[in-house]
Amino acid sequence: MGFIRQQEENMAVRLLTWHYQRREIDLPPLDELQQKAKILVDEAHRIARQRGRNVLSIMKDLVDDIKKK
């Protein structure tokens, strides 16, 4: 895994953690959080390829969508 990909996944973990804390939801175990972050980054890259948007803004939108469900 490349450096940029690792940084994106770390950013996604922090973003998910922030959302859990903001909504006062217990954090899942770290490995589960990392798995969700990996899926989030994969989905953000897929959307970015299709729509040409910024990966970070897409990740933020995806996290908001996850929490609304």
PDB file of N, CA and C in Angstrom:
ATOM      1  N   MET A   1       0.855  -1.163   0.000  1.00  0.00           N
ATOM      2  CA  MET A   1       0.000   0.000   0.000  1.00  0.00           C
ATOM      3  C   MET A   1       0.900   1.224   0.000  1.00  0.00           C
ATOM      4  N   GLY A   2       0.524   2.196  -0.812  1.00  0.00           N
ATOM      5  CA  GLY A   2       1.316   3.395  -0.938  1.00  0.00           C
ATOM      6  C   GLY A   2       1.105   4.375   0.201  1.00  0.00           C
ATOM      7  N   PHE A   3       2.016   5.318   0.283  1.00  0.00           N
ATOM      8  CA  PHE A   3       1.982   6.315   1.349  1.00  0.00           C
ATOM      9  C   PHE A   3       0.692   7.132   1.321  1.00  0.00           C
ATOM     10  N   ILE A   4       0.294   7.584   0.149  1.00  0.00           N
ATOM     11  CA  ILE A   4      -0.909   8.418   0.048  1.00  0.00           C
ATOM     12  C   ILE A   4      -2.140   7.630   0.456  1.00  0.00           C
ATOM     13  N   ARG A   5      -2.226   6.395   0.024  1.00  0.00           N
ATOM     14  CA  ARG A   5      -3.364   5.544   0.394  1.00  0.00           C
ATOM     15  C   ARG A   5      -3.433   5.362   1.912  1.00  0.00           C
ATOM     16  N   GLN A   6      -2.282   5.139   2.550  1.00  0.00           N
ATOM     17  CA  GLN A   6      -2.245   4.997   4.008  1.00  0.00           C
ATOM     18  C   GLN A   6      -2.741   6.274   4.679  1.00  0.00           C
ATOM     19  N   GLN A   7      -2.332   7.417   4.158  1.00  0.00           N
ATOM     20  CA  GLN A   7      -2.754   8.690   4.739  1.00  0.00           C
ATOM     21  C   GLN A   7      -4.259   8.899   4.562  1.00  0.00           C
ATOM     22  N   GLU A   8      -4.794   8.496   3.413  1.00  0.00           N
ATOM     23  CA  GLU A   8      -6.237   8.603   3.186  1.00  0.00           C
ATOM     24  C   GLU A   8      -7.005   7.717   4.177  1.00  0.00           C
ATOM     25  N   GLU A   9      -6.514   6.506   4.385  1.00  0.00           N
ATOM     26  CA  GLU A   9      -7.179   5.599   5.322  1.00  0.00           C
ATOM     27  C   GLU A   9      -7.070   6.114   6.756  1.00  0.00           C
ATOM     28  N   ASN A  10      -5.913   6.685   7.120  1.00  0.00           N
ATOM     29  CA  ASN A  10      -5.772   7.282   8.452  1.00  0.00           C
ATOM     30  C   ASN A  10      -6.731   8.458   8.619  1.00  0.00           C
ATOM     31  N   MET A  11      -6.881   9.261   7.575  1.00  0.00           N
ATOM     32  CA  MET A  11      -7.810  10.388   7.614  1.00  0.00           C
ATOM     33  C   MET A  11      -9.243   9.878   7.770  1.00  0.00           C
ATOM     34  N   ALA A  12      -9.575   8.806   7.077  1.00  0.00           N
ATOM     35  CA  ALA A  12     -10.917   8.232   7.173  1.00  0.00           C
ATOM     36  C   ALA A  12     -11.183   7.696   8.581  1.00  0.00           C
ATOM     37  N   VAL A  13     -10.182   7.091   9.216  1.00  0.00           N
ATOM     38  CA  VAL A  13     -10.337   6.604  10.589  1.00  0.00           C
ATOM     39  C   VAL A  13     -10.615   7.783  11.515  1.00  0.00           C
ATOM     40  N   ARG A  14      -9.856   8.860  11.363  1.00  0.00           N
ATOM     41  CA  ARG A  14     -10.076  10.042  12.200  1.00  0.00           C
ATOM     42  C   ARG A  14     -11.449  10.648  11.953  1.00  0.00           C
ATOM     43  N   LEU A  15     -11.859  10.674  10.700  1.00  0.00           N
ATOM     44  CA  LEU A  15     -13.168  11.217  10.348  1.00  0.00           C
ATOM     45  C   LEU A  15     -14.294  10.368  10.938  1.00  0.00           C
ATOM     46  N   LEU A  16     -14.179   9.055  10.820  1.00  0.00           N
ATOM     47  CA  LEU A  16     -15.182   8.167  11.414  1.00  0.00           C
ATOM     48  C   LEU A  16     -15.207   8.297  12.934  1.00  0.00           C
ATOM     49  N   THR A  17     -14.037   8.374  13.557  1.00  0.00           N
ATOM     50  CA  THR A  17     -13.949   8.532  15.013  1.00  0.00           C
ATOM     51  C   THR A  17     -14.631   9.821  15.452  1.00  0.00           C
ATOM     52  N   TRP A  18     -14.377  10.876  14.732  1.00  0.00           N
ATOM     53  CA  TRP A  18     -14.983  12.170  15.049  1.00  0.00           C
ATOM     54  C   TRP A  18     -16.505  12.085  14.969  1.00  0.00           C
ATOM     55  N   HIS A  19     -17.005  11.427  13.924  1.00  0.00           N
ATOM     56  CA  HIS A  19     -18.460  11.300  13.772  1.00  0.00           C
ATOM     57  C   HIS A  19     -19.075  10.453  14.881  1.00  0.00           C
ATOM     58  N   TYR A  20     -18.419   9.375  15.247  1.00  0.00           N
ATOM     59  CA  TYR A  20     -18.922   8.548  16.349  1.00  0.00           C
ATOM     60  C   TYR A  20     -18.963   9.357  17.646  1.00  0.00           C
ATOM     61  N   GLN A  21     -17.901  10.088  17.911  1.00  0.00           N
ATOM     62  CA  GLN A  21     -17.840  10.870  19.143  1.00  0.00           C
ATOM     63  C   GLN A  21     -18.864  11.999  19.133  1.00  0.00           C
ATOM     64  N   ARG A  22     -19.027  12.630  18.002  1.00  0.00           N
ATOM     65  CA  ARG A  22     -19.984  13.728  17.887  1.00  0.00           C
ATOM     66  C   ARG A  22     -21.405  13.254  18.136  1.00  0.00           C
ATOM     67  N   ARG A  23     -21.729  12.067  17.695  1.00  0.00           N
ATOM     68  CA  ARG A  23     -23.069  11.508  17.879  1.00  0.00           C
ATOM     69  C   ARG A  23     -23.195  10.692  19.167  1.00  0.00           C
ATOM     70  N   GLU A  24     -22.111  10.707  19.961  1.00  0.00           N
ATOM     71  CA  GLU A  24     -22.075  10.002  21.245  1.00  0.00           C
ATOM     72  C   GLU A  24     -22.397   8.515  21.104  1.00  0.00           C
ATOM     73  N   ILE A  25     -21.786   7.895  20.088  1.00  0.00           N
ATOM     74  CA  ILE A  25     -21.918   6.463  19.833  1.00  0.00           C
ATOM     75  C   ILE A  25     -20.600   5.806  20.230  1.00  0.00           C
ATOM     76  N   ASP A  26     -20.677   4.654  20.877  1.00  0.00           N
ATOM     77  CA  ASP A  26     -19.455   3.940  21.252  1.00  0.00           C
ATOM     78  C   ASP A  26     -18.644   3.584  20.015  1.00  0.00           C
ATOM     79  N   LEU A  27     -17.331   3.773  20.120  1.00  0.00           N
ATOM     80  CA  LEU A  27     -16.442   3.445  19.009  1.00  0.00           C
ATOM     81  C   LEU A  27     -16.331   1.929  18.859  1.00  0.00           C
ATOM     82  N   PRO A  28     -16.357   1.439  17.617  1.00  0.00           N
ATOM     83  CA  PRO A  28     -16.113   0.004  17.407  1.00  0.00           C
ATOM     84  C   PRO A  28     -14.633  -0.289  17.639  1.00  0.00           C
ATOM     85  N   PRO A  29     -14.258  -1.563  17.703  1.00  0.00           N
ATOM     86  CA  PRO A  29     -12.833  -1.915  17.848  1.00  0.00           C
ATOM     87  C   PRO A  29     -12.012  -1.320  16.703  1.00  0.00           C
ATOM     88  N   LEU A  30     -10.728  -1.086  16.959  1.00  0.00           N
ATOM     89  CA  LEU A  30      -9.860  -0.427  15.986  1.00  0.00           C
ATOM     90  C   LEU A  30      -9.825  -1.164  14.651  1.00  0.00           C
ATOM     91  N   ASP A  31      -9.745  -2.517  14.670  1.00  0.00           N
ATOM     92  CA  ASP A  31      -9.677  -3.228  13.384  1.00  0.00           C
ATOM     93  C   ASP A  31     -10.960  -3.055  12.586  1.00  0.00           C
ATOM     94  N   GLU A  32     -12.100  -2.997  13.257  1.00  0.00           N
ATOM     95  CA  GLU A  32     -13.359  -2.765  12.545  1.00  0.00           C
ATOM     96  C   GLU A  32     -13.402  -1.347  11.982  1.00  0.00           C
ATOM     97  N   LEU A  33     -12.896  -0.397  12.747  1.00  0.00           N
ATOM     98  CA  LEU A  33     -12.849   0.990  12.298  1.00  0.00           C
ATOM     99  C   LEU A  33     -11.930   1.124  11.087  1.00  0.00           C
ATOM    100  N   GLN A  34     -10.789   0.445  11.108  1.00  0.00           N
ATOM    101  CA  GLN A  34      -9.864   0.474   9.977  1.00  0.00           C
ATOM    102  C   GLN A  34     -10.480  -0.179   8.745  1.00  0.00           C
ATOM    103  N   GLN A  35     -11.238  -1.248   8.931  1.00  0.00           N
ATOM    104  CA  GLN A  35     -11.904  -1.912   7.808  1.00  0.00           C
ATOM    105  C   GLN A  35     -12.941  -0.981   7.189  1.00  0.00           C
ATOM    106  N   LYS A  36     -13.718  -0.294   8.026  1.00  0.00           N
ATOM    107  CA  LYS A  36     -14.702   0.672   7.519  1.00  0.00           C
ATOM    108  C   LYS A  36     -14.009   1.804   6.781  1.00  0.00           C
ATOM    109  N   ALA A  37     -12.869   2.235   7.294  1.00  0.00           N
ATOM    110  CA  ALA A  37     -12.111   3.312   6.646  1.00  0.00           C
ATOM    111  C   ALA A  37     -11.612   2.860   5.274  1.00  0.00           C
ATOM    112  N   LYS A  38     -11.150   1.625   5.170  1.00  0.00           N
ATOM    113  CA  LYS A  38     -10.669   1.097   3.888  1.00  0.00           C
ATOM    114  C   LYS A  38     -11.804   1.068   2.866  1.00  0.00           C
ATOM    115  N   ILE A  39     -12.961   0.605   3.293  1.00  0.00           N
ATOM    116  CA  ILE A  39     -14.127   0.558   2.410  1.00  0.00           C
ATOM    117  C   ILE A  39     -14.524   1.974   1.994  1.00  0.00           C
ATOM    118  N   LEU A  40     -14.488   2.895   2.939  1.00  0.00           N
ATOM    119  CA  LEU A  40     -14.830   4.293   2.667  1.00  0.00           C
ATOM    120  C   LEU A  40     -13.899   4.900   1.627  1.00  0.00           C
ATOM    121  N   VAL A  41     -12.600   4.658   1.765  1.00  0.00           N
ATOM    122  CA  VAL A  41     -11.624   5.195   0.817  1.00  0.00           C
ATOM    123  C   VAL A  41     -11.809   4.552  -0.558  1.00  0.00           C
ATOM    124  N   ASP A  42     -12.052   3.243  -0.601  1.00  0.00           N
ATOM    125  CA  ASP A  42     -12.297   2.566  -1.880  1.00  0.00           C
ATOM    126  C   ASP A  42     -13.498   3.190  -2.595  1.00  0.00           C
ATOM    127  N   GLU A  43     -14.574   3.383  -1.852  1.00  0.00           N
ATOM    128  CA  GLU A  43     -15.792   3.959  -2.428  1.00  0.00           C
ATOM    129  C   GLU A  43     -15.547   5.401  -2.889  1.00  0.00           C
ATOM    130  N   ALA A  44     -14.806   6.168  -2.094  1.00  0.00           N
ATOM    131  CA  ALA A  44     -14.499   7.551  -2.465  1.00  0.00           C
ATOM    132  C   ALA A  44     -13.689   7.606  -3.755  1.00  0.00           C
ATOM    133  N   HIS A  45     -12.732   6.700  -3.907  1.00  0.00           N
ATOM    134  CA  HIS A  45     -11.935   6.667  -5.143  1.00  0.00           C
ATOM    135  C   HIS A  45     -12.797   6.263  -6.339  1.00  0.00           C
ATOM    136  N   ARG A  46     -13.697   5.324  -6.128  1.00  0.00           N
ATOM    137  CA  ARG A  46     -14.584   4.908  -7.226  1.00  0.00           C
ATOM    138  C   ARG A  46     -15.441   6.084  -7.679  1.00  0.00           C
ATOM    139  N   ILE A  47     -16.019   6.802  -6.739  1.00  0.00           N
ATOM    140  CA  ILE A  47     -16.859   7.955  -7.068  1.00  0.00           C
ATOM    141  C   ILE A  47     -16.031   9.058  -7.719  1.00  0.00           C
ATOM    142  N   ALA A  48     -14.829   9.284  -7.205  1.00  0.00           N
ATOM    143  CA  ALA A  48     -13.959  10.330  -7.766  1.00  0.00           C
ATOM    144  C   ALA A  48     -13.614  10.037  -9.225  1.00  0.00           C
ATOM    145  N   ARG A  49     -13.383   8.759  -9.543  1.00  0.00           N
ATOM    146  CA  ARG A  49     -13.095   8.400 -10.941  1.00  0.00           C
ATOM    147  C   ARG A  49     -14.295   8.682 -11.839  1.00  0.00           C
ATOM    148  N   GLN A  50     -15.494   8.422 -11.322  1.00  0.00           N
ATOM    149  CA  GLN A  50     -16.702   8.613 -12.126  1.00  0.00           C
ATOM    150  C   GLN A  50     -17.073  10.079 -12.273  1.00  0.00           C
ATOM    151  N   ARG A  51     -16.930  10.840 -11.195  1.00  0.00           N
ATOM    152  CA  ARG A  51     -17.445  12.208 -11.173  1.00  0.00           C
ATOM    153  C   ARG A  51     -16.371  13.281 -11.177  1.00  0.00           C
ATOM    154  N   GLY A  52     -15.124  12.898 -10.952  1.00  0.00           N
ATOM    155  CA  GLY A  52     -14.040  13.862 -10.978  1.00  0.00           C
ATOM    156  C   GLY A  52     -14.018  14.811  -9.790  1.00  0.00           C
ATOM    157  N   ARG A  53     -14.498  14.350  -8.635  1.00  0.00           N
ATOM    158  CA  ARG A  53     -14.492  15.181  -7.440  1.00  0.00           C
ATOM    159  C   ARG A  53     -13.300  14.865  -6.555  1.00  0.00           C
ATOM    160  N   ASN A  54     -13.120  15.679  -5.522  1.00  0.00           N
ATOM    161  CA  ASN A  54     -12.055  15.524  -4.547  1.00  0.00           C
ATOM    162  C   ASN A  54     -12.363  14.341  -3.622  1.00  0.00           C
ATOM    163  N   VAL A  55     -11.396  13.463  -3.398  1.00  0.00           N
ATOM    164  CA  VAL A  55     -11.590  12.253  -2.597  1.00  0.00           C
ATOM    165  C   VAL A  55     -11.980  12.601  -1.159  1.00  0.00           C
ATOM    166  N   LEU A  56     -11.362  13.605  -0.559  1.00  0.00           N
ATOM    167  CA  LEU A  56     -11.667  13.963   0.827  1.00  0.00           C
ATOM    168  C   LEU A  56     -13.106  14.449   0.979  1.00  0.00           C
ATOM    169  N   SER A  57     -13.575  15.274   0.064  1.00  0.00           N
ATOM    170  CA  SER A  57     -14.964  15.746   0.170  1.00  0.00           C
ATOM    171  C   SER A  57     -15.950  14.598  -0.030  1.00  0.00           C
ATOM    172  N   ILE A  58     -15.602  13.652  -0.872  1.00  0.00           N
ATOM    173  CA  ILE A  58     -16.454  12.477  -1.074  1.00  0.00           C
ATOM    174  C   ILE A  58     -16.490  11.631   0.191  1.00  0.00           C
ATOM    175  N   MET A  59     -15.326  11.453   0.855  1.00  0.00           N
ATOM    176  CA  MET A  59     -15.292  10.682   2.093  1.00  0.00           C
ATOM    177  C   MET A  59     -16.176  11.330   3.155  1.00  0.00           C
ATOM    178  N   LYS A  60     -16.138  12.641   3.253  1.00  0.00           N
ATOM    179  CA  LYS A  60     -16.984  13.340   4.220  1.00  0.00           C
ATOM    180  C   LYS A  60     -18.464  13.088   3.927  1.00  0.00           C
ATOM    181  N   ASP A  61     -18.844  13.163   2.654  1.00  0.00           N
ATOM    182  CA  ASP A  61     -20.234  12.910   2.273  1.00  0.00           C
ATOM    183  C   ASP A  61     -20.638  11.473   2.595  1.00  0.00           C
ATOM    184  N   LEU A  62     -19.745  10.523   2.336  1.00  0.00           N
ATOM    185  CA  LEU A  62     -20.048   9.117   2.607  1.00  0.00           C
ATOM    186  C   LEU A  62     -20.225   8.855   4.095  1.00  0.00           C
ATOM    187  N   VAL A  63     -19.383   9.477   4.916  1.00  0.00           N
ATOM    188  CA  VAL A  63     -19.522   9.295   6.361  1.00  0.00           C
ATOM    189  C   VAL A  63     -20.869   9.851   6.834  1.00  0.00           C
ATOM    190  N   ASP A  64     -21.243  11.003   6.319  1.00  0.00           N
ATOM    191  CA  ASP A  64     -22.552  11.565   6.680  1.00  0.00           C
ATOM    192  C   ASP A  64     -23.664  10.622   6.273  1.00  0.00           C
ATOM    193  N   ASP A  65     -23.573  10.024   5.090  1.00  0.00           N
ATOM    194  CA  ASP A  65     -24.599   9.092   4.622  1.00  0.00           C
ATOM    195  C   ASP A  65     -24.658   7.841   5.493  1.00  0.00           C
ATOM    196  N   ILE A  66     -23.494   7.332   5.919  1.00  0.00           N
ATOM    197  CA  ILE A  66     -23.450   6.134   6.760  1.00  0.00           C
ATOM    198  C   ILE A  66     -24.176   6.404   8.069  1.00  0.00           C
ATOM    199  N   LYS A  67     -23.952   7.552   8.639  1.00  0.00           N
ATOM    200  CA  LYS A  67     -24.506   7.859   9.957  1.00  0.00           C
ATOM    201  C   LYS A  67     -25.997   8.149   9.903  1.00  0.00           C
ATOM    202  N   LYS A  68     -26.531   8.514   8.742  1.00  0.00           N
ATOM    203  CA  LYS A  68     -27.961   8.792   8.613  1.00  0.00           C
ATOM    204  C   LYS A  68     -28.775   7.514   8.517  1.00  0.00           C
ATOM    205  N   LYS A  69     -28.142   6.418   8.156  1.00  0.00           N
ATOM    206  CA  LYS A  69     -28.863   5.152   7.984  1.00  0.00           C
ATOM    207  C   LYS A  69     -29.153   4.497   9.288  1.00  0.00           C
TER     208      LYS A  69
END
